[in-house]
């Protein structure tokens, strides 16, 4: 009886907040409306179109905290391939010099982009995005029944997008210094264009991540150090790769990701963990996957792994790790940074 009454009160509370936000057409500062259930009057909001933002590159290099990556020769890829990945075999590459954002693009920086351009992200257009289950409250989980079949710890959440990363009852107000998430390839390209930059190629990303070392696994060397990146932390003891075990691997992975003893869930501050390599880059592995241009035209990849990576499961927090990425995919562990010529 008590449990049923508590659940009813919780439902009524969430419904009240939803109606309040919808009717008031809750906005960002400067009356930038972010849709909840319905869209307010946007007749005065022009759609963002690619244009030349005068002085953007100079401004970015002066204020956005970039590092200079001096060109040189390196070995791209790896011969120690993790069998689940689309990792590439080694190739000798000559890389030109470029500048790269020191940090992942933050919520605050992306908010400023939205504020100045009125750009609408793909997650807003499609009205949903993927969110990791432990980032959600019970009400949202119960009302978001669609999960990824082969990864049921991922939930399709309507109302999730960059400003409301965990659905309608969340916001970035207290995490402005965290990396922006729920951004697609399209969104990242538009942002980088706006600040006078572009997305890195995956060879540029890997070259920068290696920090001048040769065939290293991590930006700082070959030894894993959980204090130098944001990754999945647990006291659960399992074989290094549970996908090689017999039986129902998906259920085992789901149990691992929903009952592990962890200190936090989700990406951390863009400046967390300190510099990861000699170039002075932060979170170039771990925290959130980052978008890069693939080797072939009109292909895209994720690089660097995320807070969900662990040797038991994801195991993709290496400098050479990569996964293919669709142009409109968005999730709560996917972000980006820009480079500049």
Protein backbone atom coordinates (compact mmCIF):
# COMPACT_ATOMS: atom_id res chain seq x y z
CA UNK A 1 0.00 0.00 0.00
CA UNK A 2 2.73 2.44 1.05
CA UNK A 3 4.85 1.57 -2.02
CA UNK A 4 1.87 2.13 -4.37
CA UNK A 5 1.09 5.50 -2.77
CA UNK A 6 4.72 6.60 -3.06
CA UNK A 7 4.80 5.62 -6.74
CA UNK A 8 1.54 7.54 -7.37
CA UNK A 9 2.95 10.65 -5.71
CA UNK A 10 6.12 10.38 -7.82
CA UNK A 11 4.10 10.10 -11.03
CA UNK A 12 1.94 13.10 -10.10
CA UNK A 13 5.05 15.15 -9.28
CA UNK A 14 6.74 14.38 -12.61
CA UNK A 15 3.49 15.08 -14.48
CA UNK A 16 3.13 18.45 -12.71
CA UNK A 17 6.69 19.46 -13.62
CA UNK A 18 6.20 18.35 -17.23
CA UNK A 19 2.97 20.35 -17.60
CA UNK A 20 4.50 23.38 -15.88
CA UNK A 21 7.52 23.37 -18.18
CA UNK A 22 5.39 22.81 -21.26
CA UNK A 23 2.80 25.51 -20.55
CA UNK A 24 5.39 28.05 -19.53
CA UNK A 25 7.49 27.14 -22.56
CA UNK A 26 10.56 27.09 -20.33
CA UNK A 27 13.41 28.82 -22.07
CA UNK A 28 17.13 29.24 -21.86
CA UNK A 29 18.55 32.64 -21.07
CA UNK A 30 17.81 35.38 -23.60
CA UNK A 31 14.53 33.61 -24.47
CA UNK A 32 16.18 30.79 -26.40
CA UNK A 33 13.41 28.18 -26.30
CA UNK A 34 14.33 24.50 -25.92
CA UNK A 35 11.44 22.17 -26.77
CA UNK A 36 10.01 19.85 -24.13
CA UNK A 37 6.76 18.37 -25.42
CA UNK A 38 5.69 21.14 -27.75
CA UNK A 39 7.48 23.92 -29.57
CA UNK A 40 6.86 27.57 -28.67
CA UNK A 41 6.68 30.39 -31.12
CA UNK A 42 9.92 30.35 -33.10
CA UNK A 43 8.91 32.64 -35.94
CA UNK A 44 11.66 35.09 -34.99
CA UNK A 45 14.34 32.41 -34.74
CA UNK A 46 16.23 31.98 -37.97
CA UNK A 47 17.72 28.63 -38.90
CA UNK A 48 21.49 28.33 -38.76
CA UNK A 49 23.19 28.25 -42.12
CA UNK A 50 26.88 27.78 -42.77
CA UNK A 51 28.50 31.16 -43.04
CA UNK A 52 31.87 32.82 -42.58
CA UNK A 53 32.15 33.88 -38.98
CA UNK A 54 34.63 36.76 -39.27
CA UNK A 55 37.67 36.27 -37.11
CA UNK A 56 36.41 32.98 -35.69
CA UNK A 57 39.66 31.08 -36.19
CA UNK A 58 41.77 33.82 -34.62
CA UNK A 59 39.33 34.12 -31.73
CA UNK A 60 39.31 30.34 -31.21
CA UNK A 61 43.09 30.09 -31.18
CA UNK A 62 43.31 32.99 -28.75
CA UNK A 63 40.55 32.03 -26.32
CA UNK A 64 39.47 28.42 -26.79
CA UNK A 65 42.61 26.95 -25.24
CA UNK A 66 44.17 25.06 -28.11
CA UNK A 67 47.47 23.23 -28.33
CA UNK A 68 49.79 23.16 -31.32
CA UNK A 69 50.42 19.67 -32.67
CA UNK A 70 53.67 19.71 -34.62
CA UNK A 71 53.60 17.46 -37.67
CA UNK A 72 55.77 14.40 -38.14
CA UNK A 73 55.83 10.70 -38.96
CA UNK A 74 54.04 8.05 -36.89
CA UNK A 75 52.58 4.57 -37.07
CA UNK A 76 48.81 4.75 -37.32
CA UNK A 77 46.65 1.84 -36.16
CA UNK A 78 47.65 -1.27 -34.25
CA UNK A 79 48.55 -4.92 -34.77
CA UNK A 80 47.19 -5.74 -31.29
CA UNK A 81 43.58 -5.54 -32.34
CA UNK A 82 40.63 -6.07 -30.00
CA UNK A 83 38.41 -8.50 -31.83
CA UNK A 84 35.13 -6.60 -31.38
CA UNK A 85 36.48 -3.37 -32.85
CA UNK A 86 36.89 -2.05 -36.35
CA UNK A 87 40.52 -1.21 -35.54
CA UNK A 88 42.92 -0.83 -38.43
CA UNK A 89 46.25 -2.48 -39.06
CA UNK A 90 49.37 -0.34 -38.81
CA UNK A 91 50.29 2.17 -41.48
CA UNK A 92 53.18 4.63 -41.68
CA UNK A 93 51.76 8.15 -41.91
CA UNK A 94 53.25 11.62 -42.39
CA UNK A 95 51.05 14.08 -40.53
CA UNK A 96 50.90 17.83 -41.11
CA UNK A 97 50.85 20.27 -38.18
CA UNK A 98 47.56 21.55 -36.78
CA UNK A 99 45.97 23.07 -33.68
CA UNK A 100 43.56 21.08 -31.48
CA UNK A 101 41.20 22.04 -28.68
CA UNK A 102 42.85 21.29 -25.35
CA UNK A 103 39.52 20.10 -23.95
CA UNK A 104 36.34 18.53 -25.24
CA UNK A 105 33.73 21.11 -26.25
CA UNK A 106 31.85 21.93 -23.06
CA UNK A 107 28.16 22.48 -22.41
CA UNK A 108 28.88 26.16 -21.86
CA UNK A 109 30.65 26.60 -25.19
CA UNK A 110 27.94 24.70 -27.04
CA UNK A 111 25.28 26.76 -25.28
CA UNK A 112 26.96 29.93 -26.55
CA UNK A 113 26.92 28.48 -30.07
CA UNK A 114 23.18 27.75 -29.81
CA UNK A 115 22.55 31.14 -28.26
CA UNK A 116 24.23 32.94 -31.17
CA UNK A 117 22.94 30.84 -34.06
CA UNK A 118 19.60 29.31 -32.95
CA UNK A 119 20.86 26.04 -34.41
CA UNK A 120 18.64 22.97 -33.86
CA UNK A 121 20.48 19.72 -33.16
CA UNK A 122 19.57 16.35 -34.62
CA UNK A 123 18.40 15.02 -31.24
CA UNK A 124 15.98 17.94 -31.03
CA UNK A 125 14.71 17.28 -34.53
CA UNK A 126 14.16 13.56 -33.87
CA UNK A 127 12.96 14.32 -30.31
CA UNK A 128 14.97 11.53 -28.64
CA UNK A 129 18.47 10.24 -27.96
CA UNK A 130 20.20 7.27 -26.31
CA UNK A 131 20.91 7.53 -22.57
CA UNK A 132 22.79 5.09 -20.35
CA UNK A 133 20.31 3.49 -17.92
CA UNK A 134 22.05 4.43 -14.67
CA UNK A 135 21.85 8.10 -15.65
CA UNK A 136 18.05 7.95 -15.56
CA UNK A 137 15.52 8.20 -12.75
CA UNK A 138 13.00 5.41 -12.19
CA UNK A 139 10.13 7.30 -13.76
CA UNK A 140 12.02 7.94 -17.00
CA UNK A 141 13.17 4.31 -17.19
CA UNK A 142 9.61 3.02 -16.70
CA UNK A 143 8.31 5.35 -19.38
CA UNK A 144 11.08 4.69 -21.89
CA UNK A 145 10.53 1.03 -22.82
CA UNK A 146 12.67 0.96 -25.96
CA UNK A 147 16.18 -0.32 -25.35
CA UNK A 148 18.99 -1.38 -27.67
CA UNK A 149 18.58 -5.13 -28.23
CA UNK A 150 22.28 -5.98 -28.10
CA UNK A 151 23.03 -3.41 -25.40
CA UNK A 152 19.98 -3.13 -23.09
CA UNK A 153 21.80 -0.73 -20.76
CA UNK A 154 21.07 1.90 -23.45
CA UNK A 155 17.58 3.43 -23.43
CA UNK A 156 15.80 5.48 -26.08
CA UNK A 157 14.71 8.57 -24.14
CA UNK A 158 12.26 11.04 -25.66
CA UNK A 159 13.12 14.59 -24.72
CA UNK A 160 16.85 13.88 -24.26
CA UNK A 161 19.18 16.27 -26.07
CA UNK A 162 22.22 18.44 -25.32
CA UNK A 163 20.44 20.77 -22.87
CA UNK A 164 18.45 18.01 -21.15
CA UNK A 165 20.96 15.14 -21.25
CA UNK A 166 18.87 12.71 -19.16
CA UNK A 167 15.42 13.62 -20.45
CA UNK A 168 12.75 16.21 -19.72
CA UNK A 169 13.52 16.50 -15.99
CA UNK A 170 17.23 17.29 -16.35
CA UNK A 171 19.35 20.21 -17.52
CA UNK A 172 22.97 21.28 -17.91
CA UNK A 173 22.60 24.14 -15.44
CA UNK A 174 24.98 22.58 -12.90
CA UNK A 175 27.30 20.85 -15.39
CA UNK A 176 28.30 23.66 -17.73
CA UNK A 177 31.94 22.57 -17.52
CA UNK A 178 31.15 19.00 -18.60
CA UNK A 179 31.51 17.91 -22.24
CA UNK A 180 28.43 18.47 -24.35
CA UNK A 181 26.77 15.17 -25.30
CA UNK A 182 23.87 14.08 -27.51
CA UNK A 183 25.60 15.76 -30.45
CA UNK A 184 25.71 14.18 -33.90
CA UNK A 185 28.27 14.43 -36.67
CA UNK A 186 26.10 17.14 -38.24
CA UNK A 187 26.00 19.12 -34.99
CA UNK A 188 29.75 18.84 -34.44
CA UNK A 189 30.53 19.95 -38.01
CA UNK A 190 28.29 23.00 -37.65
CA UNK A 191 29.85 23.98 -34.33
CA UNK A 192 33.40 23.62 -35.64
CA UNK A 193 32.49 25.65 -38.73
CA UNK A 194 31.12 28.35 -36.46
CA UNK A 195 34.34 28.71 -34.47
CA UNK A 196 36.49 28.64 -37.59
CA UNK A 197 37.67 25.06 -37.20
CA UNK A 198 36.73 21.59 -38.38
CA UNK A 199 36.46 18.04 -37.11
CA UNK A 200 39.74 16.14 -36.85
CA UNK A 201 40.45 13.24 -39.15
CA UNK A 202 40.96 9.99 -37.27
CA UNK A 203 44.65 10.04 -38.20
CA UNK A 204 44.97 13.53 -36.73
CA UNK A 205 43.11 12.45 -33.61
CA UNK A 206 45.29 9.39 -33.09
CA UNK A 207 48.48 11.33 -33.83
CA UNK A 208 47.54 13.91 -31.22
CA UNK A 209 46.46 11.27 -28.70
CA UNK A 210 49.79 9.44 -28.93
CA UNK A 211 51.57 12.58 -27.73
CA UNK A 212 54.74 11.96 -29.70
CA UNK A 213 55.13 8.35 -28.55
CA UNK A 214 55.24 5.38 -30.91
CA UNK A 215 52.66 2.56 -30.77
CA UNK A 216 51.67 3.39 -27.18
CA UNK A 217 48.30 2.17 -25.89
CA UNK A 218 47.51 5.23 -23.81
CA UNK A 219 48.44 8.89 -24.27
CA UNK A 220 50.99 8.62 -21.44
CA UNK A 221 52.42 5.16 -22.27
CA UNK A 222 51.39 1.51 -22.17
CA UNK A 223 50.27 1.03 -18.56
CA UNK A 224 46.64 1.56 -17.59
CA UNK A 225 46.14 4.18 -14.88
CA UNK A 226 42.55 4.70 -13.71
CA UNK A 227 43.49 8.04 -12.17
CA UNK A 228 44.43 9.51 -15.54
CA UNK A 229 41.14 8.96 -17.39
CA UNK A 230 37.42 8.79 -16.76
CA UNK A 231 36.42 5.16 -17.29
CA UNK A 232 34.14 2.58 -15.69
CA UNK A 233 35.17 1.88 -12.10
CA UNK A 234 34.03 -1.24 -10.29
CA UNK A 235 34.95 -3.75 -7.62
CA UNK A 236 33.42 -6.59 -9.63
CA UNK A 237 35.97 -9.22 -10.66
CA UNK A 238 35.44 -10.81 -14.07
CA UNK A 239 37.64 -12.10 -16.90
CA UNK A 240 39.14 -9.30 -18.97
CA UNK A 241 36.68 -9.85 -21.80
CA UNK A 242 33.27 -11.20 -20.79
CA UNK A 243 32.24 -11.44 -24.45
CA UNK A 244 34.53 -14.45 -24.78
CA UNK A 245 32.65 -16.33 -22.06
CA UNK A 246 30.06 -19.00 -22.94
CA UNK A 247 26.36 -18.38 -22.37
CA UNK A 248 24.28 -15.22 -22.47
CA UNK A 249 26.93 -12.52 -22.83
CA UNK A 250 24.40 -9.68 -23.18
CA UNK A 251 22.73 -10.48 -19.85
CA UNK A 252 26.11 -10.72 -18.16
CA UNK A 253 27.17 -7.35 -19.57
CA UNK A 254 23.82 -5.83 -18.55
CA UNK A 255 24.28 -7.09 -15.01
CA UNK A 256 27.80 -5.68 -14.97
CA UNK A 257 26.65 -2.25 -16.11
CA UNK A 258 23.64 -1.97 -13.79
CA UNK A 259 24.88 -3.43 -10.52
CA UNK A 260 28.55 -2.51 -10.40
CA UNK A 261 29.95 -0.64 -7.41
CA UNK A 262 30.94 2.67 -8.96
CA UNK A 263 31.71 6.12 -7.63
CA UNK A 264 29.97 8.06 -10.41
CA UNK A 265 28.09 7.60 -13.65
CA UNK A 266 28.73 9.82 -16.61
CA UNK A 267 31.37 12.13 -18.04
CA UNK A 268 33.31 14.45 -15.75
CA UNK A 269 34.67 17.99 -16.06
CA UNK A 270 36.43 18.69 -19.35
CA UNK A 271 39.59 19.49 -17.37
CA UNK A 272 39.43 16.43 -15.10
CA UNK A 273 42.36 13.98 -14.81
CA UNK A 274 45.00 16.51 -15.85
CA UNK A 275 47.06 16.52 -19.01
CA UNK A 276 47.15 13.05 -20.54
CA UNK A 277 50.21 13.47 -22.75
CA UNK A 278 53.14 15.70 -23.62
CA UNK A 279 50.99 17.77 -25.97
CA UNK A 280 48.90 18.92 -23.01
CA UNK A 281 45.60 17.38 -24.11
CA UNK A 282 42.87 16.52 -21.60
CA UNK A 283 40.49 13.54 -21.89
CA UNK A 284 41.75 12.58 -25.33
CA UNK A 285 40.86 9.04 -24.16
CA UNK A 286 38.03 8.24 -21.76
CA UNK A 287 35.19 10.52 -20.57
CA UNK A 288 33.22 10.65 -23.85
CA UNK A 289 33.74 9.20 -27.28
CA UNK A 290 34.78 11.93 -29.73
CA UNK A 291 33.73 12.37 -33.33
CA UNK A 292 36.31 12.25 -36.13
CA UNK A 293 36.26 12.01 -39.91
CA UNK A 294 36.79 8.49 -41.26
CA UNK A 295 39.41 7.46 -43.79
CA UNK A 296 36.93 7.24 -46.64
CA UNK A 297 34.78 10.11 -47.90
CA UNK A 298 31.56 10.67 -45.93
CA UNK A 299 32.49 8.18 -43.21
CA UNK A 300 32.79 8.99 -39.52
CA UNK A 301 34.20 7.30 -36.46
CA UNK A 302 34.23 7.59 -32.68
CA UNK A 303 37.65 7.79 -31.05
CA UNK A 304 39.02 7.51 -27.52
CA UNK A 305 36.40 5.53 -25.64
CA UNK A 306 34.16 6.84 -22.85
CA UNK A 307 33.28 6.59 -19.16
CA UNK A 308 31.72 3.19 -19.94
CA UNK A 309 34.95 1.59 -21.08
CA UNK A 310 36.47 -1.19 -18.96
CA UNK A 311 38.68 -4.17 -19.71
CA UNK A 312 35.77 -6.51 -18.91
CA UNK A 313 33.51 -5.07 -21.61
CA UNK A 314 34.08 -2.04 -23.84
CA UNK A 315 37.88 -2.09 -23.63
CA UNK A 316 38.16 0.79 -26.11
CA UNK A 317 39.95 3.52 -24.18
CA UNK A 318 43.15 3.19 -26.22
CA UNK A 319 44.62 5.79 -28.56
CA UNK A 320 43.99 3.49 -31.54
CA UNK A 321 40.41 2.53 -30.59
CA UNK A 322 37.71 3.38 -33.10
CA UNK A 323 34.09 2.57 -33.92
CA UNK A 324 32.14 3.44 -37.02
CA UNK A 325 29.53 6.14 -36.51
CA UNK A 326 26.35 7.11 -38.31
CA UNK A 327 25.98 10.79 -39.19
CA UNK A 328 22.89 11.36 -37.00
CA UNK A 329 23.61 9.06 -34.02
CA UNK A 330 23.50 10.76 -30.61
CA UNK A 331 24.09 9.41 -27.10
CA UNK A 332 24.97 10.46 -23.56
CA UNK A 333 28.59 9.36 -23.99
CA UNK A 334 29.35 11.04 -27.34
CA UNK A 335 31.00 14.44 -27.69
CA UNK A 336 33.73 16.09 -29.78
CA UNK A 337 36.49 18.69 -30.08
CA UNK A 338 37.69 20.76 -33.03
CA UNK A 339 40.99 21.26 -34.85
CA UNK A 340 42.31 24.30 -36.71
CA UNK A 341 44.67 24.59 -39.69
